[in-house]
């Protein structure tokens, strides 16, 4: 009888160990899956836009001046740019590079989210369409130059970048799912902060929020 009880205890012990191992693995898998989903659904702020002046000129046209503040890869702001349009519906053109989902799932240091490069800002108005360059193709973008590296070498690297992302035969070698030009836009009016974001597994989009009440009417230098 004692021997039988010992055997039963051993069996129960191993059954408990098995189920503990099973549930631990299941919880670990679910946690990993949740992290993957979070990475795929996440987005990151890449620029902010603010209307600094809005008025009607002598011809009765709306003139809108915006401040465009882009953020670098580490979240630090670059030098702001100002653009004035005779319109208030403005679009930002960017080259967006999506990487294979496996890199996003694993939160890869380089390819863990879509890459982007702002190229133009414009307001469509037929023959009066206004376009400003933010970065030119095949050149080192302003704010992206690296100290201690020759301008010639940097330009060569950026030329290769454009070749890789625009040449379908090169994309697969870099794990690029697709590369395309996107141009989200919005009605830009005073009193609103416009935040441009990029989805880790997708494109760019514009979010809006009111300027905090405490800042209204203030000139901050």
C-alpha atoms as a PDB file:
ATOM      1  CA  UNK A   1       0.000   0.000   0.000  1.00  0.00           C
ATOM      2  CA  UNK A   2       2.822   2.359   0.905  1.00  0.00           C
ATOM      3  CA  UNK A   3       4.540   1.576  -2.381  1.00  0.00           C
ATOM      4  CA  UNK A   4       1.348   2.381  -4.283  1.00  0.00           C
ATOM      5  CA  UNK A   5       1.019   5.703  -2.447  1.00  0.00           C
ATOM      6  CA  UNK A   6       4.612   6.613  -3.335  1.00  0.00           C
ATOM      7  CA  UNK A   7       3.969   5.799  -6.978  1.00  0.00           C
ATOM      8  CA  UNK A   8       0.796   7.910  -6.949  1.00  0.00           C
ATOM      9  CA  UNK A   9       2.667  10.811  -5.361  1.00  0.00           C
ATOM     10  CA  UNK A  10       5.379  10.561  -8.008  1.00  0.00           C
ATOM     11  CA  UNK A  11       2.778  10.467 -10.791  1.00  0.00           C
ATOM     12  CA  UNK A  12       0.926  13.470  -9.324  1.00  0.00           C
ATOM     13  CA  UNK A  13       4.234  15.331  -8.987  1.00  0.00           C
ATOM     14  CA  UNK A  14       5.140  14.786 -12.639  1.00  0.00           C
ATOM     15  CA  UNK A  15       1.617  15.699 -13.758  1.00  0.00           C
ATOM     16  CA  UNK A  16       1.857  18.967 -11.819  1.00  0.00           C
ATOM     17  CA  UNK A  17       5.298  19.653 -13.286  1.00  0.00           C
ATOM     18  CA  UNK A  18       3.991  18.965 -16.778  1.00  0.00           C
ATOM     19  CA  UNK A  19       1.034  21.328 -16.394  1.00  0.00           C
ATOM     20  CA  UNK A  20       3.212  23.984 -14.763  1.00  0.00           C
ATOM     21  CA  UNK A  21       5.626  23.727 -17.705  1.00  0.00           C
ATOM     22  CA  UNK A  22       2.733  23.773 -20.178  1.00  0.00           C
ATOM     23  CA  UNK A  23       1.138  26.872 -18.637  1.00  0.00           C
ATOM     24  CA  UNK A  24       4.493  28.625 -18.311  1.00  0.00           C
ATOM     25  CA  UNK A  25       5.177  28.059 -22.014  1.00  0.00           C
ATOM     26  CA  UNK A  26       1.667  29.161 -22.895  1.00  0.00           C
ATOM     27  CA  UNK A  27       1.997  32.353 -20.865  1.00  0.00           C
ATOM     28  CA  UNK A  28       5.438  32.989 -22.392  1.00  0.00           C
ATOM     29  CA  UNK A  29       4.053  32.477 -25.896  1.00  0.00           C
ATOM     30  CA  UNK A  30       1.141  34.805 -25.196  1.00  0.00           C
ATOM     31  CA  UNK A  31       3.488  37.435 -23.760  1.00  0.00           C
ATOM     32  CA  UNK A  32       5.736  37.155 -26.821  1.00  0.00           C
ATOM     33  CA  UNK A  33       2.713  37.380 -29.141  1.00  0.00           C
ATOM     34  CA  UNK A  34       1.461  40.477 -27.311  1.00  0.00           C
ATOM     35  CA  UNK A  35       4.876  42.124 -27.709  1.00  0.00           C
ATOM     36  CA  UNK A  36       4.866  41.320 -31.425  1.00  0.00           C
ATOM     37  CA  UNK A  37       1.376  42.786 -31.809  1.00  0.00           C
ATOM     38  CA  UNK A  38       2.402  45.881 -29.836  1.00  0.00           C
ATOM     39  CA  UNK A  39       5.412  46.372 -32.121  1.00  0.00           C
ATOM     40  CA  UNK A  40       3.285  45.988 -35.236  1.00  0.00           C
ATOM     41  CA  UNK A  41       0.649  48.419 -33.944  1.00  0.00           C
ATOM     42  CA  UNK A  42       3.052  51.010 -32.522  1.00  0.00           C
ATOM     43  CA  UNK A  43       3.824  54.366 -34.056  1.00  0.00           C
ATOM     44  CA  UNK A  44       6.421  57.072 -33.472  1.00  0.00           C
ATOM     45  CA  UNK A  45       6.341  60.865 -33.666  1.00  0.00           C
ATOM     46  CA  UNK A  46       8.586  62.073 -36.493  1.00  0.00           C
ATOM     47  CA  UNK A  47       7.591  65.732 -36.919  1.00  0.00           C
ATOM     48  CA  UNK A  48       5.350  68.469 -35.593  1.00  0.00           C
ATOM     49  CA  UNK A  49       3.727  71.347 -37.444  1.00  0.00           C
ATOM     50  CA  UNK A  50       2.335  74.608 -36.110  1.00  0.00           C
ATOM     51  CA  UNK A  51       0.608  77.487 -37.906  1.00  0.00           C
ATOM     52  CA  UNK A  52       2.555  80.598 -36.920  1.00  0.00           C
ATOM     53  CA  UNK A  53       0.608  83.064 -39.077  1.00  0.00           C
ATOM     54  CA  UNK A  54      -2.694  82.988 -40.937  1.00  0.00           C
ATOM     55  CA  UNK A  55      -4.204  85.987 -42.698  1.00  0.00           C
ATOM     56  CA  UNK A  56      -5.792  87.244 -45.899  1.00  0.00           C
ATOM     57  CA  UNK A  57      -3.626  89.226 -48.299  1.00  0.00           C
ATOM     58  CA  UNK A  58      -4.685  92.210 -50.424  1.00  0.00           C
ATOM     59  CA  UNK A  59      -6.082  89.842 -53.063  1.00  0.00           C
ATOM     60  CA  UNK A  60      -8.284  88.140 -50.479  1.00  0.00           C
ATOM     61  CA  UNK A  61      -6.209  84.952 -50.529  1.00  0.00           C
ATOM     62  CA  UNK A  62      -5.502  83.045 -47.347  1.00  0.00           C
ATOM     63  CA  UNK A  63      -1.797  83.071 -46.489  1.00  0.00           C
ATOM     64  CA  UNK A  64      -0.614  80.392 -44.093  1.00  0.00           C
ATOM     65  CA  UNK A  65       2.853  80.186 -42.570  1.00  0.00           C
ATOM     66  CA  UNK A  66       3.773  76.914 -40.884  1.00  0.00           C
ATOM     67  CA  UNK A  67       6.660  75.858 -38.688  1.00  0.00           C
ATOM     68  CA  UNK A  68       7.871  72.364 -39.567  1.00  0.00           C
ATOM     69  CA  UNK A  69       9.922  70.671 -36.836  1.00  0.00           C
ATOM     70  CA  UNK A  70      11.323  67.275 -37.754  1.00  0.00           C
ATOM     71  CA  UNK A  71      12.692  64.836 -35.174  1.00  0.00           C
ATOM     72  CA  UNK A  72      15.809  62.733 -35.766  1.00  0.00           C
ATOM     73  CA  UNK A  73      16.164  58.987 -35.223  1.00  0.00           C
ATOM     74  CA  UNK A  74      16.925  59.515 -31.497  1.00  0.00           C
ATOM     75  CA  UNK A  75      14.000  61.866 -30.947  1.00  0.00           C
ATOM     76  CA  UNK A  76      16.060  65.078 -30.945  1.00  0.00           C
ATOM     77  CA  UNK A  77      14.557  68.011 -32.896  1.00  0.00           C
ATOM     78  CA  UNK A  78      16.280  69.173 -36.078  1.00  0.00           C
ATOM     79  CA  UNK A  79      16.484  72.776 -37.214  1.00  0.00           C
ATOM     80  CA  UNK A  80      12.926  74.051 -37.791  1.00  0.00           C
ATOM     81  CA  UNK A  81      11.818  75.153 -41.253  1.00  0.00           C
ATOM     82  CA  UNK A  82       9.199  77.759 -42.146  1.00  0.00           C
ATOM     83  CA  UNK A  83       6.997  77.693 -45.247  1.00  0.00           C
ATOM     84  CA  UNK A  84       4.344  80.141 -46.455  1.00  0.00           C
ATOM     85  CA  UNK A  85       1.477  79.162 -48.750  1.00  0.00           C
ATOM     86  CA  UNK A  86      -1.460  81.008 -50.281  1.00  0.00           C
ATOM     87  CA  UNK A  87      -3.646  78.193 -49.023  1.00  0.00           C
ATOM     88  CA  UNK A  88      -4.304  76.246 -45.853  1.00  0.00           C
ATOM     89  CA  UNK A  89      -4.640  72.700 -47.193  1.00  0.00           C
ATOM     90  CA  UNK A  90      -1.055  71.497 -47.097  1.00  0.00           C
ATOM     91  CA  UNK A  91       0.549  68.117 -47.782  1.00  0.00           C
ATOM     92  CA  UNK A  92       3.857  66.557 -46.812  1.00  0.00           C
ATOM     93  CA  UNK A  93       5.519  64.193 -49.274  1.00  0.00           C
ATOM     94  CA  UNK A  94       7.785  61.472 -47.923  1.00  0.00           C
ATOM     95  CA  UNK A  95       9.505  58.364 -49.175  1.00  0.00           C
ATOM     96  CA  UNK A  96       8.374  55.541 -46.885  1.00  0.00           C
ATOM     97  CA  UNK A  97      10.203  52.214 -46.711  1.00  0.00           C
ATOM     98  CA  UNK A  98       8.429  49.256 -45.115  1.00  0.00           C
ATOM     99  CA  UNK A  99      10.468  46.305 -43.914  1.00  0.00           C
ATOM    100  CA  UNK A 100       9.387  42.677 -43.701  1.00  0.00           C
ATOM    101  CA  UNK A 101       7.154  42.026 -40.673  1.00  0.00           C
ATOM    102  CA  UNK A 102       9.699  39.674 -39.103  1.00  0.00           C
ATOM    103  CA  UNK A 103      12.003  42.637 -38.426  1.00  0.00           C
ATOM    104  CA  UNK A 104       9.176  44.625 -36.840  1.00  0.00           C
ATOM    105  CA  UNK A 105       8.097  41.636 -34.762  1.00  0.00           C
ATOM    106  CA  UNK A 106      11.603  41.241 -33.363  1.00  0.00           C
ATOM    107  CA  UNK A 107      11.992  45.015 -32.883  1.00  0.00           C
ATOM    108  CA  UNK A 108      15.135  44.978 -34.980  1.00  0.00           C
ATOM    109  CA  UNK A 109      17.447  47.902 -34.152  1.00  0.00           C
ATOM    110  CA  UNK A 110      17.637  49.072 -37.765  1.00  0.00           C
ATOM    111  CA  UNK A 111      14.537  47.632 -39.427  1.00  0.00           C
ATOM    112  CA  UNK A 112      12.151  47.521 -36.452  1.00  0.00           C
ATOM    113  CA  UNK A 113       9.939  50.213 -37.924  1.00  0.00           C
ATOM    114  CA  UNK A 114       9.253  51.745 -41.306  1.00  0.00           C
ATOM    115  CA  UNK A 115      11.904  54.194 -42.496  1.00  0.00           C
ATOM    116  CA  UNK A 116      11.070  57.548 -44.023  1.00  0.00           C
ATOM    117  CA  UNK A 117      12.532  60.655 -45.583  1.00  0.00           C
ATOM    118  CA  UNK A 118      10.552  63.864 -46.013  1.00  0.00           C
ATOM    119  CA  UNK A 119      11.112  65.246 -49.507  1.00  0.00           C
ATOM    120  CA  UNK A 120       8.602  68.048 -50.162  1.00  0.00           C
ATOM    121  CA  UNK A 121       5.814  70.148 -48.694  1.00  0.00           C
ATOM    122  CA  UNK A 122       3.183  71.531 -51.060  1.00  0.00           C
ATOM    123  CA  UNK A 123      -0.255  73.038 -51.514  1.00  0.00           C
ATOM    124  CA  UNK A 124      -2.167  72.049 -54.647  1.00  0.00           C
ATOM    125  CA  UNK A 125      -3.930  74.893 -56.438  1.00  0.00           C
ATOM    126  CA  UNK A 126      -3.742  74.280 -60.178  1.00  0.00           C
ATOM    127  CA  UNK A 127      -1.342  76.699 -61.846  1.00  0.00           C
ATOM    128  CA  UNK A 128      -0.741  78.327 -58.432  1.00  0.00           C
ATOM    129  CA  UNK A 129       0.511  75.105 -56.834  1.00  0.00           C
ATOM    130  CA  UNK A 130       3.383  75.889 -54.452  1.00  0.00           C
ATOM    131  CA  UNK A 131       6.098  73.320 -53.706  1.00  0.00           C
ATOM    132  CA  UNK A 132       9.092  73.532 -51.361  1.00  0.00           C
ATOM    133  CA  UNK A 133      11.897  70.987 -51.073  1.00  0.00           C
ATOM    134  CA  UNK A 134      12.648  69.465 -47.682  1.00  0.00           C
ATOM    135  CA  UNK A 135      15.245  67.008 -48.992  1.00  0.00           C
ATOM    136  CA  UNK A 136      16.442  66.311 -52.530  1.00  0.00           C
ATOM    137  CA  UNK A 137      16.835  62.851 -53.982  1.00  0.00           C
ATOM    138  CA  UNK A 138      20.347  61.418 -54.034  1.00  0.00           C
ATOM    139  CA  UNK A 139      21.703  64.162 -51.761  1.00  0.00           C
ATOM    140  CA  UNK A 140      22.491  64.197 -48.029  1.00  0.00           C
ATOM    141  CA  UNK A 141      19.380  65.686 -46.362  1.00  0.00           C
ATOM    142  CA  UNK A 142      19.837  68.778 -44.222  1.00  0.00           C
ATOM    143  CA  UNK A 143      20.140  67.751 -40.590  1.00  0.00           C
ATOM    144  CA  UNK A 144      21.349  64.240 -41.433  1.00  0.00           C
ATOM    145  CA  UNK A 145      25.016  64.990 -42.082  1.00  0.00           C
ATOM    146  CA  UNK A 146      27.529  63.228 -39.821  1.00  0.00           C
ATOM    147  CA  UNK A 147      30.483  65.053 -38.299  1.00  0.00           C
ATOM    148  CA  UNK A 148      33.902  63.655 -39.167  1.00  0.00           C
ATOM    149  CA  UNK A 149      32.716  62.009 -42.382  1.00  0.00           C
ATOM    150  CA  UNK A 150      33.521  63.623 -45.724  1.00  0.00           C
ATOM    151  CA  UNK A 151      30.632  65.156 -47.673  1.00  0.00           C
ATOM    152  CA  UNK A 152      31.594  63.070 -50.705  1.00  0.00           C
ATOM    153  CA  UNK A 153      31.289  59.795 -48.804  1.00  0.00           C
ATOM    154  CA  UNK A 154      27.982  60.814 -47.254  1.00  0.00           C
ATOM    155  CA  UNK A 155      26.550  61.771 -50.638  1.00  0.00           C
ATOM    156  CA  UNK A 156      27.654  58.387 -52.017  1.00  0.00           C
ATOM    157  CA  UNK A 157      25.878  56.583 -49.158  1.00  0.00           C
ATOM    158  CA  UNK A 158      22.657  58.522 -49.779  1.00  0.00           C
ATOM    159  CA  UNK A 159      22.851  57.784 -53.509  1.00  0.00           C
ATOM    160  CA  UNK A 160      23.022  54.085 -52.651  1.00  0.00           C
ATOM    161  CA  UNK A 161      20.101  54.497 -50.257  1.00  0.00           C
ATOM    162  CA  UNK A 162      17.896  55.852 -53.040  1.00  0.00           C
ATOM    163  CA  UNK A 163      19.056  53.161 -55.446  1.00  0.00           C
ATOM    164  CA  UNK A 164      18.301  50.377 -52.982  1.00  0.00           C
ATOM    165  CA  UNK A 165      14.826  51.527 -52.028  1.00  0.00           C
ATOM    166  CA  UNK A 166      13.716  52.407 -55.564  1.00  0.00           C
ATOM    167  CA  UNK A 167      15.181  49.367 -57.342  1.00  0.00           C
ATOM    168  CA  UNK A 168      12.923  46.312 -56.796  1.00  0.00           C
ATOM    169  CA  UNK A 169      15.821  43.966 -57.565  1.00  0.00           C
ATOM    170  CA  UNK A 170      17.754  45.381 -54.604  1.00  0.00           C
ATOM    171  CA  UNK A 171      14.953  45.527 -52.039  1.00  0.00           C
ATOM    172  CA  UNK A 172      14.736  41.828 -51.276  1.00  0.00           C
ATOM    173  CA  UNK A 173      18.373  41.684 -50.225  1.00  0.00           C
ATOM    174  CA  UNK A 174      17.688  44.334 -47.583  1.00  0.00           C
ATOM    175  CA  UNK A 175      14.453  42.856 -46.243  1.00  0.00           C
ATOM    176  CA  UNK A 176      12.380  45.696 -47.728  1.00  0.00           C
ATOM    177  CA  UNK A 177       8.717  44.848 -48.284  1.00  0.00           C
ATOM    178  CA  UNK A 178       7.974  47.933 -50.354  1.00  0.00           C
ATOM    179  CA  UNK A 179       8.965  51.572 -50.841  1.00  0.00           C
ATOM    180  CA  UNK A 180       6.616  54.264 -52.013  1.00  0.00           C
ATOM    181  CA  UNK A 181       5.902  57.979 -51.978  1.00  0.00           C
ATOM    182  CA  UNK A 182       3.192  59.074 -49.527  1.00  0.00           C
ATOM    183  CA  UNK A 183       1.708  62.543 -49.099  1.00  0.00           C
ATOM    184  CA  UNK A 184      -0.678  62.931 -46.156  1.00  0.00           C
ATOM    185  CA  UNK A 185      -2.257  66.358 -45.795  1.00  0.00           C
ATOM    186  CA  UNK A 186      -4.595  68.366 -43.638  1.00  0.00           C
ATOM    187  CA  UNK A 187      -6.364  71.687 -43.228  1.00  0.00           C
ATOM    188  CA  UNK A 188      -3.853  73.753 -41.229  1.00  0.00           C
ATOM    189  CA  UNK A 189      -5.323  76.387 -38.927  1.00  0.00           C
ATOM    190  CA  UNK A 190      -4.045  78.332 -35.905  1.00  0.00           C
ATOM    191  CA  UNK A 191      -4.506  76.914 -32.414  1.00  0.00           C
ATOM    192  CA  UNK A 192      -3.671  73.326 -33.328  1.00  0.00           C
ATOM    193  CA  UNK A 193      -0.554  71.189 -33.036  1.00  0.00           C
ATOM    194  CA  UNK A 194      -0.197  68.748 -35.936  1.00  0.00           C
ATOM    195  CA  UNK A 195       1.901  65.659 -35.193  1.00  0.00           C
ATOM    196  CA  UNK A 196       3.166  63.517 -38.055  1.00  0.00           C
ATOM    197  CA  UNK A 197       3.661  59.902 -37.006  1.00  0.00           C
ATOM    198  CA  UNK A 198       4.954  56.758 -38.667  1.00  0.00           C
ATOM    199  CA  UNK A 199       3.535  53.313 -37.978  1.00  0.00           C
ATOM    200  CA  UNK A 200       6.144  50.678 -37.221  1.00  0.00           C
ATOM    201  CA  UNK A 201       4.681  48.407 -39.886  1.00  0.00           C
ATOM    202  CA  UNK A 202       3.007  51.022 -42.063  1.00  0.00           C
ATOM    203  CA  UNK A 203       2.994  54.541 -43.395  1.00  0.00           C
ATOM    204  CA  UNK A 204       2.798  58.099 -42.106  1.00  0.00           C
ATOM    205  CA  UNK A 205      -0.263  59.924 -40.842  1.00  0.00           C
ATOM    206  CA  UNK A 206      -1.186  63.228 -39.195  1.00  0.00           C
ATOM    207  CA  UNK A 207      -2.633  63.497 -35.697  1.00  0.00           C
ATOM    208  CA  UNK A 208      -4.009  66.726 -34.210  1.00  0.00           C
ATOM    209  CA  UNK A 209      -4.498  68.214 -30.768  1.00  0.00           C
ATOM    210  CA  UNK A 210      -5.374  71.710 -29.516  1.00  0.00           C
ATOM    211  CA  UNK A 211      -2.609  73.963 -28.242  1.00  0.00           C
ATOM    212  CA  UNK A 212      -2.726  73.866 -24.420  1.00  0.00           C
ATOM    213  CA  UNK A 213      -4.796  76.744 -23.010  1.00  0.00           C
ATOM    214  CA  UNK A 214      -1.870  78.065 -20.993  1.00  0.00           C
ATOM    215  CA  UNK A 215       0.128  78.731 -24.203  1.00  0.00           C
ATOM    216  CA  UNK A 216      -2.608  80.594 -26.084  1.00  0.00           C
ATOM    217  CA  UNK A 217      -1.782  84.226 -26.666  1.00  0.00           C
ATOM    218  CA  UNK A 218       1.810  83.775 -25.484  1.00  0.00           C
ATOM    219  CA  UNK A 219       4.967  84.421 -27.502  1.00  0.00           C
ATOM    220  CA  UNK A 220       7.614  81.992 -26.315  1.00  0.00           C
ATOM    221  CA  UNK A 221      11.236  82.524 -27.289  1.00  0.00           C
END
